[in-house]
N, C-alpha and C. Protein backbone atom coordinates (compact mmCIF):
# COMPACT_ATOMS: atom_id res chain seq x y z
N MET A 1 1.44 -1.48 -19.36
CA MET A 1 2.08 -1.11 -18.13
C MET A 1 1.45 -1.93 -17.00
N LYS A 2 2.26 -2.40 -16.08
CA LYS A 2 1.78 -3.21 -14.97
C LYS A 2 2.11 -2.52 -13.66
N PHE A 3 1.12 -2.49 -12.77
CA PHE A 3 1.33 -1.92 -11.45
C PHE A 3 1.20 -3.03 -10.43
N ASP A 4 2.16 -3.15 -9.55
CA ASP A 4 2.10 -4.13 -8.47
C ASP A 4 1.54 -3.46 -7.23
N PRO A 5 0.75 -4.20 -6.45
CA PRO A 5 0.24 -3.61 -5.21
C PRO A 5 1.37 -3.39 -4.22
N PRO A 6 1.17 -2.52 -3.25
CA PRO A 6 2.19 -2.33 -2.21
C PRO A 6 2.52 -3.67 -1.54
N PRO A 7 3.74 -3.85 -1.04
CA PRO A 7 4.13 -5.12 -0.44
C PRO A 7 3.19 -5.59 0.67
N VAL A 8 2.63 -4.67 1.42
CA VAL A 8 1.73 -5.08 2.51
C VAL A 8 0.52 -5.82 1.95
N PHE A 9 0.01 -5.44 0.77
CA PHE A 9 -1.13 -6.13 0.18
C PHE A 9 -0.74 -7.53 -0.26
N ALA A 10 0.46 -7.70 -0.77
CA ALA A 10 0.91 -9.02 -1.18
C ALA A 10 0.95 -9.97 0.01
N SER A 11 1.29 -9.46 1.18
CA SER A 11 1.36 -10.32 2.37
C SER A 11 -0.03 -10.78 2.82
N LEU A 12 -1.08 -10.12 2.38
CA LEU A 12 -2.43 -10.51 2.77
C LEU A 12 -2.81 -11.89 2.24
N GLU A 13 -2.26 -12.28 1.12
CA GLU A 13 -2.55 -13.60 0.57
C GLU A 13 -2.17 -14.70 1.55
N ARG A 14 -1.19 -14.44 2.41
CA ARG A 14 -0.76 -15.43 3.41
C ARG A 14 -1.63 -15.37 4.67
N LEU A 15 -2.55 -14.40 4.74
CA LEU A 15 -3.45 -14.21 5.88
C LEU A 15 -2.71 -14.25 7.22
N PRO A 16 -1.84 -13.27 7.45
CA PRO A 16 -1.11 -13.25 8.73
C PRO A 16 -2.08 -13.21 9.91
N ARG A 17 -1.71 -13.88 10.98
CA ARG A 17 -2.55 -13.99 12.19
C ARG A 17 -2.36 -12.76 13.06
N VAL A 18 -2.78 -11.63 12.55
CA VAL A 18 -2.63 -10.36 13.26
C VAL A 18 -4.01 -9.93 13.76
N THR A 19 -4.09 -9.66 15.04
CA THR A 19 -5.32 -9.14 15.62
C THR A 19 -4.93 -8.02 16.56
N GLY A 20 -5.49 -6.88 16.34
CA GLY A 20 -5.19 -5.74 17.21
C GLY A 20 -6.32 -4.74 17.11
N PRO A 21 -6.36 -3.82 18.02
CA PRO A 21 -7.49 -2.89 18.02
C PRO A 21 -7.35 -1.78 16.98
N TRP A 22 -8.49 -1.30 16.54
CA TRP A 22 -8.59 -0.10 15.73
C TRP A 22 -9.03 1.00 16.70
N SER A 23 -8.41 2.14 16.68
CA SER A 23 -8.86 3.28 17.48
C SER A 23 -10.06 3.90 16.78
N VAL A 24 -11.14 4.10 17.53
CA VAL A 24 -12.38 4.60 16.97
C VAL A 24 -12.86 5.79 17.78
N ASP A 25 -13.35 6.81 17.09
CA ASP A 25 -13.95 7.97 17.75
C ASP A 25 -15.32 8.18 17.11
N VAL A 26 -16.36 7.70 17.78
CA VAL A 26 -17.72 7.83 17.28
C VAL A 26 -18.19 9.25 17.59
N LYS A 27 -18.44 10.02 16.56
CA LYS A 27 -18.80 11.43 16.74
C LYS A 27 -20.26 11.63 17.09
N LYS A 28 -21.12 10.66 16.70
CA LYS A 28 -22.55 10.80 16.96
C LYS A 28 -23.12 9.42 17.30
N ALA A 29 -23.79 9.32 18.44
CA ALA A 29 -24.42 8.06 18.83
C ALA A 29 -25.47 7.67 17.79
N GLY A 30 -25.61 6.37 17.55
CA GLY A 30 -26.62 5.91 16.60
C GLY A 30 -26.36 4.50 16.12
N GLN A 31 -27.11 4.09 15.11
CA GLN A 31 -26.98 2.76 14.51
C GLN A 31 -25.90 2.82 13.44
N TYR A 32 -25.03 1.80 13.44
CA TYR A 32 -23.94 1.74 12.48
C TYR A 32 -23.85 0.35 11.87
N ARG A 33 -23.38 0.31 10.63
CA ARG A 33 -23.08 -0.94 9.94
C ARG A 33 -21.56 -1.02 9.81
N LEU A 34 -20.99 -2.13 10.29
CA LEU A 34 -19.56 -2.38 10.16
C LEU A 34 -19.38 -3.61 9.28
N ILE A 35 -18.55 -3.49 8.27
CA ILE A 35 -18.29 -4.60 7.35
C ILE A 35 -16.83 -5.00 7.47
N LEU A 36 -16.60 -6.25 7.89
CA LEU A 36 -15.25 -6.78 8.04
C LEU A 36 -14.82 -7.45 6.76
N ARG A 37 -13.58 -7.19 6.33
CA ARG A 37 -13.03 -7.78 5.11
C ARG A 37 -11.58 -8.21 5.36
N GLN A 38 -11.15 -9.22 4.61
CA GLN A 38 -9.74 -9.61 4.63
C GLN A 38 -8.98 -8.96 3.49
N PHE A 39 -9.71 -8.53 2.49
CA PHE A 39 -9.10 -7.92 1.30
C PHE A 39 -9.83 -6.62 0.99
N PRO A 40 -9.20 -5.71 0.25
CA PRO A 40 -9.89 -4.48 -0.11
C PRO A 40 -11.18 -4.79 -0.88
N LYS A 41 -12.19 -3.99 -0.69
CA LYS A 41 -13.47 -4.18 -1.37
C LYS A 41 -13.26 -4.32 -2.88
N GLU A 42 -12.37 -3.52 -3.42
CA GLU A 42 -12.12 -3.49 -4.86
C GLU A 42 -11.53 -4.80 -5.38
N ALA A 43 -10.91 -5.59 -4.50
CA ALA A 43 -10.30 -6.85 -4.93
C ALA A 43 -11.36 -7.90 -5.25
N GLY A 44 -12.55 -7.77 -4.64
CA GLY A 44 -13.62 -8.70 -4.93
C GLY A 44 -13.35 -10.13 -4.46
N GLN A 45 -12.47 -10.30 -3.49
CA GLN A 45 -12.12 -11.64 -3.01
C GLN A 45 -12.97 -12.03 -1.81
N ALA A 46 -13.32 -13.31 -1.78
CA ALA A 46 -14.12 -13.84 -0.67
C ALA A 46 -13.28 -13.99 0.59
N ILE A 47 -13.95 -13.87 1.71
CA ILE A 47 -13.30 -14.06 3.01
C ILE A 47 -12.96 -15.53 3.19
N LYS A 48 -11.79 -15.78 3.71
CA LYS A 48 -11.33 -17.14 3.98
C LYS A 48 -11.44 -17.39 5.48
N ALA A 49 -12.69 -17.51 5.95
CA ALA A 49 -12.97 -17.73 7.36
C ALA A 49 -14.33 -18.41 7.48
N VAL A 50 -14.58 -19.01 8.64
CA VAL A 50 -15.87 -19.67 8.86
C VAL A 50 -16.70 -18.96 9.94
N ARG A 51 -16.03 -18.10 10.72
CA ARG A 51 -16.71 -17.40 11.80
C ARG A 51 -16.06 -16.04 12.00
N ALA A 52 -16.88 -15.05 12.36
CA ALA A 52 -16.39 -13.69 12.60
C ALA A 52 -16.91 -13.19 13.93
N LYS A 53 -16.10 -12.35 14.58
CA LYS A 53 -16.50 -11.75 15.86
C LYS A 53 -16.03 -10.31 15.89
N ILE A 54 -16.82 -9.47 16.55
CA ILE A 54 -16.50 -8.05 16.68
C ILE A 54 -16.74 -7.64 18.13
N GLN A 55 -15.91 -6.71 18.61
CA GLN A 55 -16.09 -6.18 19.97
C GLN A 55 -15.83 -4.68 19.93
N ILE A 56 -16.80 -3.91 20.47
CA ILE A 56 -16.68 -2.46 20.52
C ILE A 56 -17.57 -1.94 21.65
N PHE A 57 -17.06 -0.99 22.42
CA PHE A 57 -17.80 -0.41 23.56
C PHE A 57 -18.35 -1.50 24.49
N GLY A 58 -17.60 -2.57 24.68
CA GLY A 58 -18.04 -3.65 25.56
C GLY A 58 -19.10 -4.55 24.97
N LYS A 59 -19.53 -4.27 23.75
CA LYS A 59 -20.51 -5.10 23.06
C LYS A 59 -19.76 -6.10 22.19
N GLU A 60 -20.26 -7.32 22.14
CA GLU A 60 -19.63 -8.36 21.34
C GLU A 60 -20.70 -9.06 20.51
N GLN A 61 -20.40 -9.25 19.23
CA GLN A 61 -21.29 -9.99 18.34
C GLN A 61 -20.48 -11.00 17.57
N GLU A 62 -21.12 -12.10 17.22
CA GLU A 62 -20.47 -13.16 16.47
C GLU A 62 -21.38 -13.56 15.31
N SER A 63 -20.77 -14.05 14.22
CA SER A 63 -21.54 -14.43 13.04
C SER A 63 -20.85 -15.58 12.32
N VAL A 64 -21.65 -16.45 11.73
CA VAL A 64 -21.13 -17.50 10.85
C VAL A 64 -20.84 -16.83 9.51
N VAL A 65 -19.72 -17.17 8.89
CA VAL A 65 -19.35 -16.60 7.60
C VAL A 65 -19.81 -17.57 6.51
N GLU A 66 -20.72 -17.11 5.68
CA GLU A 66 -21.22 -17.92 4.57
C GLU A 66 -20.14 -18.02 3.49
N THR A 67 -20.06 -19.16 2.85
CA THR A 67 -19.09 -19.39 1.78
C THR A 67 -19.28 -18.37 0.66
N GLY A 68 -18.19 -17.77 0.24
CA GLY A 68 -18.20 -16.85 -0.90
C GLY A 68 -18.47 -15.39 -0.59
N VAL A 69 -18.79 -15.05 0.67
CA VAL A 69 -19.05 -13.64 0.97
C VAL A 69 -17.74 -12.86 0.99
N LYS A 70 -17.84 -11.61 0.60
CA LYS A 70 -16.66 -10.75 0.53
C LYS A 70 -16.52 -9.84 1.75
N GLY A 71 -17.58 -9.81 2.57
CA GLY A 71 -17.57 -9.00 3.77
C GLY A 71 -18.59 -9.53 4.76
N VAL A 72 -18.27 -9.44 6.04
CA VAL A 72 -19.18 -9.86 7.11
C VAL A 72 -19.78 -8.61 7.71
N ILE A 73 -21.11 -8.54 7.72
CA ILE A 73 -21.81 -7.34 8.15
C ILE A 73 -22.32 -7.49 9.58
N PHE A 74 -22.04 -6.46 10.37
CA PHE A 74 -22.57 -6.34 11.72
C PHE A 74 -23.29 -5.00 11.81
N GLU A 75 -24.46 -4.96 12.43
CA GLU A 75 -25.17 -3.72 12.66
C GLU A 75 -25.44 -3.60 14.14
N LEU A 76 -25.06 -2.44 14.72
CA LEU A 76 -25.28 -2.26 16.14
C LEU A 76 -25.34 -0.78 16.50
N GLY A 77 -25.98 -0.52 17.63
CA GLY A 77 -26.05 0.83 18.15
C GLY A 77 -24.79 1.16 18.92
N LEU A 78 -24.24 2.34 18.65
CA LEU A 78 -23.01 2.76 19.33
C LEU A 78 -23.22 4.10 20.00
N PRO A 79 -22.65 4.28 21.20
CA PRO A 79 -22.71 5.58 21.87
C PRO A 79 -21.62 6.49 21.29
N GLU A 80 -21.72 7.76 21.59
CA GLU A 80 -20.68 8.71 21.20
C GLU A 80 -19.46 8.48 22.09
N GLY A 81 -18.28 8.63 21.52
CA GLY A 81 -17.07 8.56 22.32
C GLY A 81 -15.95 7.79 21.66
N LYS A 82 -14.81 7.77 22.35
CA LYS A 82 -13.63 7.07 21.87
C LYS A 82 -13.58 5.67 22.47
N THR A 83 -13.14 4.72 21.68
CA THR A 83 -13.04 3.33 22.12
C THR A 83 -12.10 2.58 21.19
N GLU A 84 -12.04 1.27 21.39
CA GLU A 84 -11.28 0.39 20.49
C GLU A 84 -12.23 -0.60 19.84
N LEU A 85 -11.98 -0.89 18.60
CA LEU A 85 -12.72 -1.89 17.84
C LEU A 85 -11.80 -3.09 17.64
N TRP A 86 -12.26 -4.26 18.08
CA TRP A 86 -11.52 -5.50 17.89
C TRP A 86 -12.28 -6.37 16.90
N THR A 87 -11.56 -7.01 15.98
CA THR A 87 -12.18 -7.89 15.00
C THR A 87 -11.43 -9.22 14.96
N TRP A 88 -12.17 -10.29 14.74
CA TRP A 88 -11.58 -11.62 14.60
C TRP A 88 -12.26 -12.35 13.46
N LEU A 89 -11.46 -13.03 12.63
CA LEU A 89 -11.96 -13.92 11.59
C LEU A 89 -11.30 -15.27 11.85
N TYR A 90 -12.12 -16.29 12.10
CA TYR A 90 -11.62 -17.61 12.47
C TYR A 90 -11.66 -18.57 11.30
N ASP A 91 -10.58 -19.34 11.12
CA ASP A 91 -10.58 -20.37 10.08
C ASP A 91 -11.22 -21.65 10.63
N ALA A 92 -11.30 -22.68 9.82
CA ALA A 92 -11.95 -23.94 10.21
C ALA A 92 -11.27 -24.62 11.39
N GLU A 93 -9.98 -24.33 11.62
CA GLU A 93 -9.25 -24.92 12.75
C GLU A 93 -9.41 -24.08 14.01
N GLY A 94 -10.15 -22.97 13.93
CA GLY A 94 -10.35 -22.11 15.09
C GLY A 94 -9.27 -21.09 15.31
N LYS A 95 -8.33 -20.96 14.37
CA LYS A 95 -7.26 -19.97 14.49
C LYS A 95 -7.80 -18.61 14.05
N ALA A 96 -7.49 -17.58 14.84
CA ALA A 96 -8.03 -16.24 14.57
C ALA A 96 -7.01 -15.32 13.94
N GLY A 97 -7.52 -14.47 13.09
CA GLY A 97 -6.78 -13.35 12.52
C GLY A 97 -7.76 -12.19 12.47
N GLY A 98 -7.28 -11.00 12.26
CA GLY A 98 -8.16 -9.85 12.24
C GLY A 98 -8.68 -9.51 10.86
N ALA A 99 -9.66 -8.63 10.82
CA ALA A 99 -10.12 -8.08 9.55
C ALA A 99 -9.14 -6.97 9.18
N TYR A 100 -8.51 -7.09 8.06
CA TYR A 100 -7.50 -6.10 7.65
C TYR A 100 -8.15 -4.83 7.13
N PHE A 101 -9.42 -4.93 6.73
CA PHE A 101 -10.16 -3.79 6.22
C PHE A 101 -11.53 -3.78 6.88
N THR A 102 -11.94 -2.64 7.39
CA THR A 102 -13.25 -2.51 8.03
C THR A 102 -13.91 -1.23 7.56
N GLU A 103 -15.13 -1.37 7.05
CA GLU A 103 -15.91 -0.21 6.62
C GLU A 103 -16.93 0.12 7.70
N VAL A 104 -17.16 1.39 7.94
CA VAL A 104 -18.14 1.83 8.92
C VAL A 104 -19.09 2.81 8.24
N GLU A 105 -20.39 2.57 8.45
CA GLU A 105 -21.41 3.41 7.82
C GLU A 105 -22.50 3.72 8.84
N ALA A 106 -22.85 4.99 8.98
CA ALA A 106 -23.98 5.38 9.82
C ALA A 106 -25.26 5.01 9.10
N LEU A 107 -26.21 4.47 9.85
CA LEU A 107 -27.49 4.08 9.25
C LEU A 107 -28.57 5.11 9.54
């Protein structure tokens, strides 16, 4: 028996240039780890980008994406409250797309 992924997952292979905010409600201030991915963790696929950027609560961080990594990790302190999370993954030509999957973990 064969199961095909939902159509939206199939479109990820084309890496659409979609960037938009994630609505976030931080329930407890503290240190958090955010992992940006282009594919679900279970897919085990490497990110197709050379640079990553994140913006949340007015804080911005940027990172070089090492070849073969499956997720880009950012760790930062966040206050309690509602905000928007913006993510960008840049290709070698400088074109940006968003992280389609983002994991958040309290540290």
